[in-house]
Amino acid sequence: MDNRSKILSCALQLFAARGYDAVGVQEIAEAAGITKPTLYHYFGSKYGLLQSLLQEQFTELQNVLLKVTVYHGDLPLTLTRVTQALFDYAATHRRFYRMQLSMWFAPPDSESLKAISEVNGDQQQILEQLFIQAAQDHGNMRGRHRAYATTFLGMINTYIGLALNNHLALDDELVYKAVHQFMYGIFS
């Protein structure tokens, strides 16, 4: 593993365990077996490190979401694919998903909230586009794409958070229940 990869890996481990604000640059450098100047060489700052970490991880997730959010006239099927993709990603990237969920609830003026807001906004836009497309078939959805995307992602992330804390399993049954719970809200 090269220095850049070691730094990213160690930072992810530390940020997920204790939070971005609780971890210092010296601690990351020591965990990665490098010097602080080496970290600064690759990332410029702790915030630059965080931005790189988020960008790399979210690029993979966004690529998956762009594939599964293609709408072909069947909203429950599309939402099932999205839910499964998010559950799978969270299951295989547990540390990252825990870190990014916790950052969403960081203090308003924090660096971590600023950084996560940038990438979460991209994820929100992908889901909004799905609901804009689906509104062509479901007239009662018109103009509500932002609320639907926010509500859907919030519900899915709540289930993921519960799973990360070992309160439930991200299995096919939960995918089915989550999608049907959401669809019931749309059609009621």
N, C-alpha and C. Protein backbone atom coordinates (compact mmCIF):
# COMPACT_ATOMS: atom_id res chain seq x y z
N MET A 1 0.85 -1.18 0.00
CA MET A 1 0.00 0.00 0.00
C MET A 1 0.90 1.24 0.00
N ASP A 2 0.64 2.18 -0.89
CA ASP A 2 1.45 3.40 -0.94
C ASP A 2 1.06 4.35 0.19
N ASN A 3 1.89 5.40 0.39
CA ASN A 3 1.66 6.32 1.50
C ASN A 3 0.28 6.97 1.45
N ARG A 4 -0.13 7.39 0.27
CA ARG A 4 -1.43 8.07 0.13
C ARG A 4 -2.56 7.13 0.55
N SER A 5 -2.51 5.91 0.10
CA SER A 5 -3.54 4.92 0.46
C SER A 5 -3.51 4.61 1.95
N LYS A 6 -2.31 4.50 2.53
CA LYS A 6 -2.20 4.24 3.97
C LYS A 6 -2.80 5.38 4.77
N ILE A 7 -2.53 6.60 4.35
CA ILE A 7 -3.07 7.77 5.05
C ILE A 7 -4.60 7.75 4.99
N LEU A 8 -5.16 7.52 3.81
CA LEU A 8 -6.62 7.48 3.65
C LEU A 8 -7.24 6.38 4.50
N SER A 9 -6.62 5.20 4.50
CA SER A 9 -7.13 4.07 5.26
C SER A 9 -7.10 4.36 6.76
N CYS A 10 -6.00 4.88 7.24
CA CYS A 10 -5.88 5.19 8.67
C CYS A 10 -6.83 6.31 9.08
N ALA A 11 -6.95 7.31 8.24
CA ALA A 11 -7.88 8.41 8.54
C ALA A 11 -9.30 7.90 8.62
N LEU A 12 -9.70 7.06 7.68
CA LEU A 12 -11.05 6.50 7.70
C LEU A 12 -11.29 5.72 8.99
N GLN A 13 -10.35 4.90 9.35
CA GLN A 13 -10.49 4.11 10.57
C GLN A 13 -10.64 5.01 11.79
N LEU A 14 -9.81 6.02 11.90
CA LEU A 14 -9.86 6.92 13.06
C LEU A 14 -11.11 7.80 13.05
N PHE A 15 -11.46 8.36 11.89
CA PHE A 15 -12.64 9.22 11.81
C PHE A 15 -13.91 8.43 12.12
N ALA A 16 -13.99 7.19 11.64
CA ALA A 16 -15.18 6.37 11.88
C ALA A 16 -15.28 5.98 13.36
N ALA A 17 -14.14 5.76 14.00
CA ALA A 17 -14.14 5.34 15.40
C ALA A 17 -14.42 6.49 16.36
N ARG A 18 -13.89 7.69 16.06
CA ARG A 18 -13.97 8.77 17.04
C ARG A 18 -14.52 10.08 16.52
N GLY A 19 -14.73 10.19 15.22
CA GLY A 19 -15.23 11.44 14.66
C GLY A 19 -14.09 12.29 14.13
N TYR A 20 -14.38 13.04 13.11
CA TYR A 20 -13.39 13.88 12.44
C TYR A 20 -12.73 14.87 13.40
N ASP A 21 -13.52 15.57 14.19
CA ASP A 21 -12.99 16.62 15.06
C ASP A 21 -12.12 16.08 16.19
N ALA A 22 -12.31 14.83 16.57
CA ALA A 22 -11.56 14.25 17.69
C ALA A 22 -10.20 13.69 17.28
N VAL A 23 -9.90 13.70 15.99
CA VAL A 23 -8.67 13.10 15.50
C VAL A 23 -7.74 14.19 14.97
N GLY A 24 -6.49 14.16 15.40
CA GLY A 24 -5.51 15.14 14.96
C GLY A 24 -4.63 14.62 13.84
N VAL A 25 -3.98 15.54 13.16
CA VAL A 25 -3.09 15.20 12.05
C VAL A 25 -1.94 14.32 12.54
N GLN A 26 -1.37 14.63 13.68
CA GLN A 26 -0.26 13.84 14.22
C GLN A 26 -0.68 12.40 14.45
N GLU A 27 -1.89 12.20 14.96
CA GLU A 27 -2.38 10.85 15.21
C GLU A 27 -2.55 10.07 13.91
N ILE A 28 -3.05 10.72 12.88
CA ILE A 28 -3.20 10.07 11.57
C ILE A 28 -1.83 9.70 11.02
N ALA A 29 -0.89 10.64 11.11
CA ALA A 29 0.46 10.39 10.60
C ALA A 29 1.11 9.21 11.32
N GLU A 30 0.99 9.17 12.64
CA GLU A 30 1.57 8.07 13.41
C GLU A 30 0.92 6.74 13.04
N ALA A 31 -0.39 6.73 12.90
CA ALA A 31 -1.10 5.49 12.55
C ALA A 31 -0.69 4.98 11.16
N ALA A 32 -0.40 5.92 10.26
CA ALA A 32 -0.01 5.55 8.90
C ALA A 32 1.48 5.29 8.78
N GLY A 33 2.24 5.61 9.82
CA GLY A 33 3.69 5.40 9.79
C GLY A 33 4.41 6.39 8.89
N ILE A 34 3.87 7.60 8.82
CA ILE A 34 4.48 8.65 7.99
C ILE A 34 4.66 9.91 8.84
N THR A 35 5.25 10.92 8.27
CA THR A 35 5.41 12.18 8.97
C THR A 35 4.28 13.14 8.59
N LYS A 36 4.07 14.15 9.42
CA LYS A 36 3.04 15.15 9.10
C LYS A 36 3.33 15.83 7.76
N PRO A 37 4.58 16.19 7.45
CA PRO A 37 4.82 16.79 6.14
C PRO A 37 4.41 15.90 4.97
N THR A 38 4.51 14.59 5.14
CA THR A 38 4.08 13.67 4.09
C THR A 38 2.57 13.77 3.90
N LEU A 39 1.84 13.81 5.01
CA LEU A 39 0.39 13.98 4.92
C LEU A 39 0.05 15.28 4.21
N TYR A 40 0.72 16.36 4.60
CA TYR A 40 0.45 17.66 3.98
C TYR A 40 0.83 17.66 2.50
N HIS A 41 1.86 16.91 2.15
CA HIS A 41 2.26 16.80 0.74
C HIS A 41 1.12 16.24 -0.10
N TYR A 42 0.47 15.21 0.39
CA TYR A 42 -0.59 14.56 -0.38
C TYR A 42 -1.92 15.31 -0.32
N PHE A 43 -2.23 15.91 0.81
CA PHE A 43 -3.59 16.44 1.00
C PHE A 43 -3.66 17.91 1.37
N GLY A 44 -2.55 18.53 1.71
CA GLY A 44 -2.54 19.95 2.02
C GLY A 44 -2.96 20.29 3.44
N SER A 45 -3.92 19.54 3.96
CA SER A 45 -4.45 19.79 5.30
C SER A 45 -5.30 18.61 5.72
N LYS A 46 -5.73 18.63 6.96
CA LYS A 46 -6.64 17.60 7.45
C LYS A 46 -7.96 17.67 6.68
N TYR A 47 -8.43 18.89 6.41
CA TYR A 47 -9.67 19.06 5.65
C TYR A 47 -9.50 18.55 4.22
N GLY A 48 -8.35 18.79 3.62
CA GLY A 48 -8.08 18.26 2.28
C GLY A 48 -8.08 16.74 2.29
N LEU A 49 -7.57 16.14 3.35
CA LEU A 49 -7.60 14.69 3.51
C LEU A 49 -9.05 14.20 3.57
N LEU A 50 -9.86 14.88 4.37
CA LEU A 50 -11.26 14.51 4.48
C LEU A 50 -11.97 14.62 3.13
N GLN A 51 -11.74 15.70 2.42
CA GLN A 51 -12.37 15.88 1.12
C GLN A 51 -11.96 14.77 0.15
N SER A 52 -10.69 14.42 0.14
CA SER A 52 -10.23 13.34 -0.73
C SER A 52 -10.87 12.01 -0.36
N LEU A 53 -10.94 11.74 0.93
CA LEU A 53 -11.55 10.50 1.40
C LEU A 53 -13.02 10.43 0.98
N LEU A 54 -13.75 11.51 1.19
CA LEU A 54 -15.16 11.54 0.82
C LEU A 54 -15.34 11.41 -0.69
N GLN A 55 -14.54 12.13 -1.44
CA GLN A 55 -14.68 12.11 -2.89
C GLN A 55 -14.43 10.72 -3.46
N GLU A 56 -13.39 10.06 -2.98
CA GLU A 56 -13.08 8.72 -3.49
C GLU A 56 -14.18 7.72 -3.15
N GLN A 57 -14.64 7.78 -1.92
CA GLN A 57 -15.68 6.83 -1.50
C GLN A 57 -17.02 7.13 -2.19
N PHE A 58 -17.39 8.38 -2.26
CA PHE A 58 -18.68 8.73 -2.86
C PHE A 58 -18.69 8.57 -4.37
N THR A 59 -17.55 8.67 -5.01
CA THR A 59 -17.51 8.44 -6.46
C THR A 59 -17.96 7.02 -6.77
N GLU A 60 -17.48 6.08 -6.01
CA GLU A 60 -17.90 4.68 -6.20
C GLU A 60 -19.40 4.54 -5.96
N LEU A 61 -19.90 5.11 -4.87
CA LEU A 61 -21.31 5.01 -4.55
C LEU A 61 -22.17 5.72 -5.60
N GLN A 62 -21.76 6.87 -6.04
CA GLN A 62 -22.53 7.61 -7.05
C GLN A 62 -22.59 6.85 -8.37
N ASN A 63 -21.52 6.22 -8.75
CA ASN A 63 -21.53 5.42 -9.98
C ASN A 63 -22.56 4.29 -9.89
N VAL A 64 -22.63 3.66 -8.73
CA VAL A 64 -23.63 2.62 -8.52
C VAL A 64 -25.03 3.22 -8.58
N LEU A 65 -25.23 4.35 -7.89
CA LEU A 65 -26.56 4.97 -7.87
C LEU A 65 -27.00 5.42 -9.25
N LEU A 66 -26.09 5.93 -10.04
CA LEU A 66 -26.45 6.36 -11.39
C LEU A 66 -26.96 5.19 -12.23
N LYS A 67 -26.42 4.01 -11.99
CA LYS A 67 -26.87 2.82 -12.73
C LYS A 67 -28.24 2.35 -12.26
N VAL A 68 -28.45 2.32 -10.95
CA VAL A 68 -29.68 1.73 -10.42
C VAL A 68 -30.86 2.71 -10.39
N THR A 69 -30.61 3.99 -10.59
CA THR A 69 -31.71 4.95 -10.59
C THR A 69 -32.29 5.20 -11.97
N VAL A 70 -31.84 4.47 -12.96
CA VAL A 70 -32.42 4.60 -14.30
C VAL A 70 -33.86 4.10 -14.21
N TYR A 71 -34.79 4.96 -14.56
CA TYR A 71 -36.22 4.67 -14.40
C TYR A 71 -36.81 4.19 -15.71
N HIS A 72 -37.49 3.03 -15.64
CA HIS A 72 -38.12 2.44 -16.83
C HIS A 72 -39.61 2.20 -16.59
N GLY A 73 -40.25 3.07 -15.83
CA GLY A 73 -41.69 2.98 -15.64
C GLY A 73 -42.16 2.12 -14.48
N ASP A 74 -41.23 1.58 -13.71
CA ASP A 74 -41.61 0.74 -12.57
C ASP A 74 -40.91 1.28 -11.32
N LEU A 75 -41.60 2.16 -10.60
CA LEU A 75 -40.98 2.81 -9.44
C LEU A 75 -40.64 1.82 -8.32
N PRO A 76 -41.53 0.90 -7.95
CA PRO A 76 -41.13 -0.05 -6.89
C PRO A 76 -39.87 -0.85 -7.26
N LEU A 77 -39.76 -1.28 -8.50
CA LEU A 77 -38.58 -2.02 -8.93
C LEU A 77 -37.33 -1.13 -8.84
N THR A 78 -37.43 0.10 -9.30
CA THR A 78 -36.28 1.01 -9.25
C THR A 78 -35.88 1.29 -7.81
N LEU A 79 -36.86 1.54 -6.93
CA LEU A 79 -36.54 1.81 -5.52
C LEU A 79 -35.96 0.56 -4.84
N THR A 80 -36.40 -0.61 -5.27
CA THR A 80 -35.82 -1.85 -4.74
C THR A 80 -34.34 -1.93 -5.12
N ARG A 81 -34.03 -1.60 -6.35
CA ARG A 81 -32.63 -1.62 -6.80
C ARG A 81 -31.79 -0.59 -6.04
N VAL A 82 -32.35 0.59 -5.83
CA VAL A 82 -31.63 1.65 -5.10
C VAL A 82 -31.40 1.20 -3.66
N THR A 83 -32.43 0.69 -3.02
CA THR A 83 -32.31 0.25 -1.63
C THR A 83 -31.28 -0.86 -1.50
N GLN A 84 -31.35 -1.83 -2.39
CA GLN A 84 -30.38 -2.93 -2.35
C GLN A 84 -28.96 -2.41 -2.55
N ALA A 85 -28.79 -1.48 -3.48
CA ALA A 85 -27.46 -0.92 -3.74
C ALA A 85 -26.93 -0.18 -2.51
N LEU A 86 -27.77 0.61 -1.86
CA LEU A 86 -27.33 1.34 -0.67
C LEU A 86 -27.03 0.37 0.48
N PHE A 87 -27.88 -0.64 0.66
CA PHE A 87 -27.63 -1.63 1.70
C PHE A 87 -26.33 -2.37 1.44
N ASP A 88 -26.11 -2.78 0.19
CA ASP A 88 -24.88 -3.49 -0.16
C ASP A 88 -23.65 -2.62 0.07
N TYR A 89 -23.74 -1.36 -0.34
CA TYR A 89 -22.61 -0.46 -0.16
C TYR A 89 -22.31 -0.28 1.33
N ALA A 90 -23.34 -0.07 2.12
CA ALA A 90 -23.14 0.11 3.56
C ALA A 90 -22.56 -1.14 4.21
N ALA A 91 -22.98 -2.30 3.74
CA ALA A 91 -22.48 -3.56 4.30
C ALA A 91 -21.02 -3.79 3.97
N THR A 92 -20.59 -3.35 2.80
CA THR A 92 -19.20 -3.56 2.39
C THR A 92 -18.28 -2.39 2.72
N HIS A 93 -18.85 -1.27 3.12
CA HIS A 93 -18.08 -0.07 3.48
C HIS A 93 -18.58 0.46 4.84
N ARG A 94 -18.62 -0.44 5.81
CA ARG A 94 -19.21 -0.11 7.11
C ARG A 94 -18.57 1.11 7.77
N ARG A 95 -17.26 1.16 7.80
CA ARG A 95 -16.58 2.29 8.45
C ARG A 95 -16.94 3.60 7.76
N PHE A 96 -16.84 3.58 6.45
CA PHE A 96 -17.14 4.81 5.71
C PHE A 96 -18.59 5.23 5.92
N TYR A 97 -19.50 4.30 5.83
CA TYR A 97 -20.91 4.68 5.95
C TYR A 97 -21.19 5.22 7.35
N ARG A 98 -20.62 4.61 8.37
CA ARG A 98 -20.79 5.11 9.74
C ARG A 98 -20.23 6.53 9.86
N MET A 99 -19.05 6.73 9.30
CA MET A 99 -18.42 8.05 9.37
C MET A 99 -19.29 9.10 8.70
N GLN A 100 -19.75 8.82 7.48
CA GLN A 100 -20.49 9.84 6.76
C GLN A 100 -21.85 10.11 7.39
N LEU A 101 -22.49 9.09 7.96
CA LEU A 101 -23.75 9.33 8.66
C LEU A 101 -23.54 10.23 9.87
N SER A 102 -22.49 9.97 10.63
CA SER A 102 -22.24 10.79 11.81
C SER A 102 -21.89 12.23 11.43
N MET A 103 -21.22 12.40 10.32
CA MET A 103 -20.83 13.75 9.89
C MET A 103 -22.05 14.59 9.50
N TRP A 104 -23.10 13.96 9.05
CA TRP A 104 -24.31 14.68 8.64
C TRP A 104 -24.94 15.40 9.83
N PHE A 105 -24.65 14.94 11.04
CA PHE A 105 -25.21 15.53 12.25
C PHE A 105 -24.17 16.32 13.04
N ALA A 106 -23.10 16.73 12.38
CA ALA A 106 -22.05 17.52 13.02
C ALA A 106 -22.56 18.95 13.28
N PRO A 107 -21.88 19.70 14.13
CA PRO A 107 -22.29 21.08 14.39
C PRO A 107 -22.34 21.91 13.11
N PRO A 108 -23.23 22.89 13.06
CA PRO A 108 -23.48 23.66 11.83
C PRO A 108 -22.26 24.32 11.19
N ASP A 109 -21.32 24.77 11.98
CA ASP A 109 -20.16 25.47 11.43
C ASP A 109 -18.93 24.58 11.30
N SER A 110 -19.10 23.29 11.43
CA SER A 110 -17.95 22.39 11.42
C SER A 110 -17.45 22.09 10.01
N GLU A 111 -16.17 21.78 9.92
CA GLU A 111 -15.58 21.37 8.65
C GLU A 111 -16.22 20.08 8.14
N SER A 112 -16.51 19.17 9.06
CA SER A 112 -17.06 17.89 8.64
C SER A 112 -18.44 18.04 8.00
N LEU A 113 -19.28 18.89 8.55
CA LEU A 113 -20.60 19.10 7.94
C LEU A 113 -20.46 19.77 6.58
N LYS A 114 -19.55 20.71 6.49
CA LYS A 114 -19.32 21.38 5.19
C LYS A 114 -18.88 20.36 4.14
N ALA A 115 -17.97 19.49 4.50
CA ALA A 115 -17.45 18.50 3.54
C ALA A 115 -18.51 17.49 3.15
N ILE A 116 -19.27 16.99 4.11
CA ILE A 116 -20.26 15.96 3.80
C ILE A 116 -21.44 16.56 3.03
N SER A 117 -21.74 17.81 3.28
CA SER A 117 -22.85 18.46 2.57
C SER A 117 -22.60 18.52 1.08
N GLU A 118 -21.37 18.72 0.69
CA GLU A 118 -21.03 18.79 -0.73
C GLU A 118 -21.34 17.47 -1.43
N VAL A 119 -20.90 16.36 -0.85
CA VAL A 119 -21.10 15.07 -1.51
C VAL A 119 -22.51 14.52 -1.31
N ASN A 120 -23.12 14.80 -0.15
CA ASN A 120 -24.51 14.37 0.05
C ASN A 120 -25.44 15.09 -0.91
N GLY A 121 -25.11 16.32 -1.25
CA GLY A 121 -25.91 17.06 -2.22
C GLY A 121 -25.95 16.37 -3.57
N ASP A 122 -24.83 15.79 -3.98
CA ASP A 122 -24.79 15.05 -5.24
C ASP A 122 -25.68 13.81 -5.18
N GLN A 123 -25.64 13.12 -4.07
CA GLN A 123 -26.46 11.93 -3.89
C GLN A 123 -27.95 12.31 -3.91
N GLN A 124 -28.28 13.39 -3.25
CA GLN A 124 -29.66 13.89 -3.22
C GLN A 124 -30.14 14.21 -4.64
N GLN A 125 -29.29 14.85 -5.43
CA GLN A 125 -29.66 15.21 -6.81
C GLN A 125 -29.96 13.98 -7.66
N ILE A 126 -29.18 12.94 -7.49
CA ILE A 126 -29.41 11.70 -8.24
C ILE A 126 -30.80 11.16 -7.93
N LEU A 127 -31.16 11.14 -6.65
CA LEU A 127 -32.47 10.62 -6.26
C LEU A 127 -33.59 11.56 -6.69
N GLU A 128 -33.35 12.85 -6.63
CA GLU A 128 -34.38 13.80 -7.10
C GLU A 128 -34.69 13.58 -8.57
N GLN A 129 -33.67 13.33 -9.36
CA GLN A 129 -33.89 13.07 -10.79
C GLN A 129 -34.75 11.83 -11.00
N LEU A 130 -34.55 10.82 -10.19
CA LEU A 130 -35.38 9.63 -10.27
C LEU A 130 -36.85 9.98 -10.04
N PHE A 131 -37.12 10.77 -9.01
CA PHE A 131 -38.51 11.10 -8.70
C PHE A 131 -39.11 12.08 -9.71
N ILE A 132 -38.30 12.90 -10.31
CA ILE A 132 -38.79 13.77 -11.40
C ILE A 132 -39.24 12.89 -12.57
N GLN A 133 -38.45 11.89 -12.91
CA GLN A 133 -38.81 10.99 -14.00
C GLN A 133 -40.07 10.19 -13.64
N ALA A 134 -40.15 9.71 -12.42
CA ALA A 134 -41.30 8.90 -12.00
C ALA A 134 -42.59 9.72 -11.96
N ALA A 135 -42.48 11.02 -11.76
CA ALA A 135 -43.67 11.88 -11.71
C ALA A 135 -44.42 11.89 -13.04
N GLN A 136 -43.75 11.55 -14.12
CA GLN A 136 -44.43 11.46 -15.42
C GLN A 136 -45.49 10.36 -15.40
N ASP A 137 -45.25 9.31 -14.61
CA ASP A 137 -46.21 8.21 -14.49
C ASP A 137 -47.12 8.35 -13.27
N HIS A 138 -46.69 9.12 -12.32
CA HIS A 138 -47.43 9.28 -11.05
C HIS A 138 -47.65 10.77 -10.82
N GLY A 139 -48.75 11.28 -11.36
CA GLY A 139 -49.02 12.72 -11.32
C GLY A 139 -49.03 13.32 -9.93
N ASN A 140 -49.43 12.53 -8.91
CA ASN A 140 -49.45 13.07 -7.55
C ASN A 140 -48.06 13.36 -7.00
N MET A 141 -47.02 12.96 -7.73
CA MET A 141 -45.65 13.19 -7.29
C MET A 141 -45.06 14.48 -7.83
N ARG A 142 -45.72 15.09 -8.78
CA ARG A 142 -45.16 16.29 -9.43
C ARG A 142 -44.84 17.38 -8.40
N GLY A 143 -43.66 17.93 -8.55
CA GLY A 143 -43.24 19.03 -7.68
C GLY A 143 -42.79 18.60 -6.30
N ARG A 144 -42.80 17.33 -6.03
CA ARG A 144 -42.45 16.84 -4.70
C ARG A 144 -41.14 16.04 -4.71
N HIS A 145 -40.39 16.14 -5.78
CA HIS A 145 -39.19 15.31 -5.94
C HIS A 145 -38.18 15.50 -4.81
N ARG A 146 -38.02 16.72 -4.34
CA ARG A 146 -37.05 16.96 -3.25
C ARG A 146 -37.50 16.27 -1.96
N ALA A 147 -38.77 16.43 -1.63
CA ALA A 147 -39.30 15.81 -0.41
C ALA A 147 -39.21 14.29 -0.50
N TYR A 148 -39.56 13.73 -1.66
CA TYR A 148 -39.50 12.27 -1.81
C TYR A 148 -38.06 11.77 -1.71
N ALA A 149 -37.13 12.43 -2.36
CA ALA A 149 -35.73 12.01 -2.30
C ALA A 149 -35.19 12.09 -0.88
N THR A 150 -35.52 13.17 -0.19
CA THR A 150 -35.05 13.36 1.18
C THR A 150 -35.64 12.32 2.11
N THR A 151 -36.94 12.09 1.99
CA THR A 151 -37.62 11.13 2.85
C THR A 151 -37.12 9.71 2.59
N PHE A 152 -36.99 9.36 1.33
CA PHE A 152 -36.53 8.01 0.98
C PHE A 152 -35.11 7.78 1.51
N LEU A 153 -34.21 8.71 1.22
CA LEU A 153 -32.83 8.54 1.67
C LEU A 153 -32.73 8.54 3.19
N GLY A 154 -33.52 9.37 3.84
CA GLY A 154 -33.53 9.39 5.30
C GLY A 154 -33.98 8.07 5.89
N MET A 155 -35.03 7.48 5.31
CA MET A 155 -35.52 6.20 5.78
C MET A 155 -34.46 5.11 5.59
N ILE A 156 -33.86 5.08 4.40
CA ILE A 156 -32.85 4.06 4.10
C ILE A 156 -31.65 4.23 5.02
N ASN A 157 -31.21 5.46 5.22
CA ASN A 157 -30.05 5.69 6.10
C ASN A 157 -30.37 5.35 7.55
N THR A 158 -31.61 5.52 7.97
CA THR A 158 -31.99 5.11 9.33
C THR A 158 -31.87 3.60 9.47
N TYR A 159 -32.36 2.87 8.48
CA TYR A 159 -32.21 1.42 8.53
C TYR A 159 -30.74 1.02 8.52
N ILE A 160 -29.95 1.68 7.71
CA ILE A 160 -28.52 1.37 7.66
C ILE A 160 -27.87 1.67 9.01
N GLY A 161 -28.21 2.80 9.62
CA GLY A 161 -27.66 3.13 10.93
C GLY A 161 -28.01 2.07 11.97
N LEU A 162 -29.25 1.59 11.93
CA LEU A 162 -29.65 0.52 12.85
C LEU A 162 -28.85 -0.75 12.60
N ALA A 163 -28.61 -1.06 11.34
CA ALA A 163 -27.83 -2.25 11.00
C ALA A 163 -26.37 -2.09 11.43
N LEU A 164 -25.81 -0.92 11.25
CA LEU A 164 -24.43 -0.69 11.66
C LEU A 164 -24.26 -0.84 13.17
N ASN A 165 -25.34 -0.64 13.91
CA ASN A 165 -25.32 -0.81 15.36
C ASN A 165 -25.90 -2.16 15.79
N ASN A 166 -26.00 -3.08 14.82
CA ASN A 166 -26.42 -4.46 15.07
C ASN A 166 -27.83 -4.60 15.64
N HIS A 167 -28.74 -3.73 15.21
CA HIS A 167 -30.13 -3.82 15.64
C HIS A 167 -31.01 -4.54 14.63
N LEU A 168 -30.54 -4.68 13.40
CA LEU A 168 -31.27 -5.40 12.37
C LEU A 168 -30.32 -5.77 11.25
N ALA A 169 -30.81 -6.60 10.34
CA ALA A 169 -29.98 -7.06 9.21
C ALA A 169 -30.46 -6.41 7.93
N LEU A 170 -29.52 -6.03 7.08
CA LEU A 170 -29.84 -5.44 5.77
C LEU A 170 -30.08 -6.57 4.77
N ASP A 171 -31.20 -7.23 4.90
CA ASP A 171 -31.48 -8.40 4.07
C ASP A 171 -32.60 -8.11 3.07
N ASP A 172 -32.93 -9.10 2.26
CA ASP A 172 -33.96 -8.94 1.23
C ASP A 172 -35.32 -8.60 1.83
N GLU A 173 -35.62 -9.16 2.98
CA GLU A 173 -36.91 -8.87 3.62
C GLU A 173 -37.00 -7.39 3.99
N LEU A 174 -35.89 -6.82 4.50
CA LEU A 174 -35.91 -5.41 4.86
C LEU A 174 -35.99 -4.53 3.61
N VAL A 175 -35.34 -4.93 2.54
CA VAL A 175 -35.45 -4.19 1.27
C VAL A 175 -36.92 -4.13 0.87
N TYR A 176 -37.57 -5.27 0.88
CA TYR A 176 -38.99 -5.34 0.50
C TYR A 176 -39.84 -4.45 1.41
N LYS A 177 -39.67 -4.56 2.72
CA LYS A 177 -40.47 -3.78 3.68
C LYS A 177 -40.23 -2.28 3.51
N ALA A 178 -38.97 -1.90 3.33
CA ALA A 178 -38.65 -0.47 3.20
C ALA A 178 -39.29 0.12 1.96
N VAL A 179 -39.17 -0.55 0.84
CA VAL A 179 -39.74 -0.04 -0.41
C VAL A 179 -41.25 0.02 -0.31
N HIS A 180 -41.87 -1.00 0.24
CA HIS A 180 -43.32 -0.99 0.34
C HIS A 180 -43.82 0.04 1.35
N GLN A 181 -43.08 0.24 2.41
CA GLN A 181 -43.42 1.29 3.37
C GLN A 181 -43.39 2.65 2.67
N PHE A 182 -42.37 2.89 1.89
CA PHE A 182 -42.24 4.17 1.19
C PHE A 182 -43.34 4.32 0.13
N MET A 183 -43.57 3.29 -0.65
CA MET A 183 -44.59 3.34 -1.70
C MET A 183 -45.98 3.56 -1.11
N TYR A 184 -46.24 2.98 0.04
CA TYR A 184 -47.52 3.19 0.69
C TYR A 184 -47.72 4.68 1.00
N GLY A 185 -46.65 5.32 1.43
CA GLY A 185 -46.73 6.76 1.71
C GLY A 185 -47.00 7.58 0.46
N ILE A 186 -46.46 7.18 -0.66
CA ILE A 186 -46.69 7.90 -1.92
C ILE A 186 -48.14 7.75 -2.35
N PHE A 187 -48.67 6.54 -2.26
CA PHE A 187 -50.00 6.27 -2.81
C PHE A 187 -51.13 6.55 -1.84
N SER A 188 -50.82 6.80 -0.58
CA SER A 188 -51.90 7.04 0.38
C SER A 188 -52.41 8.48 0.32
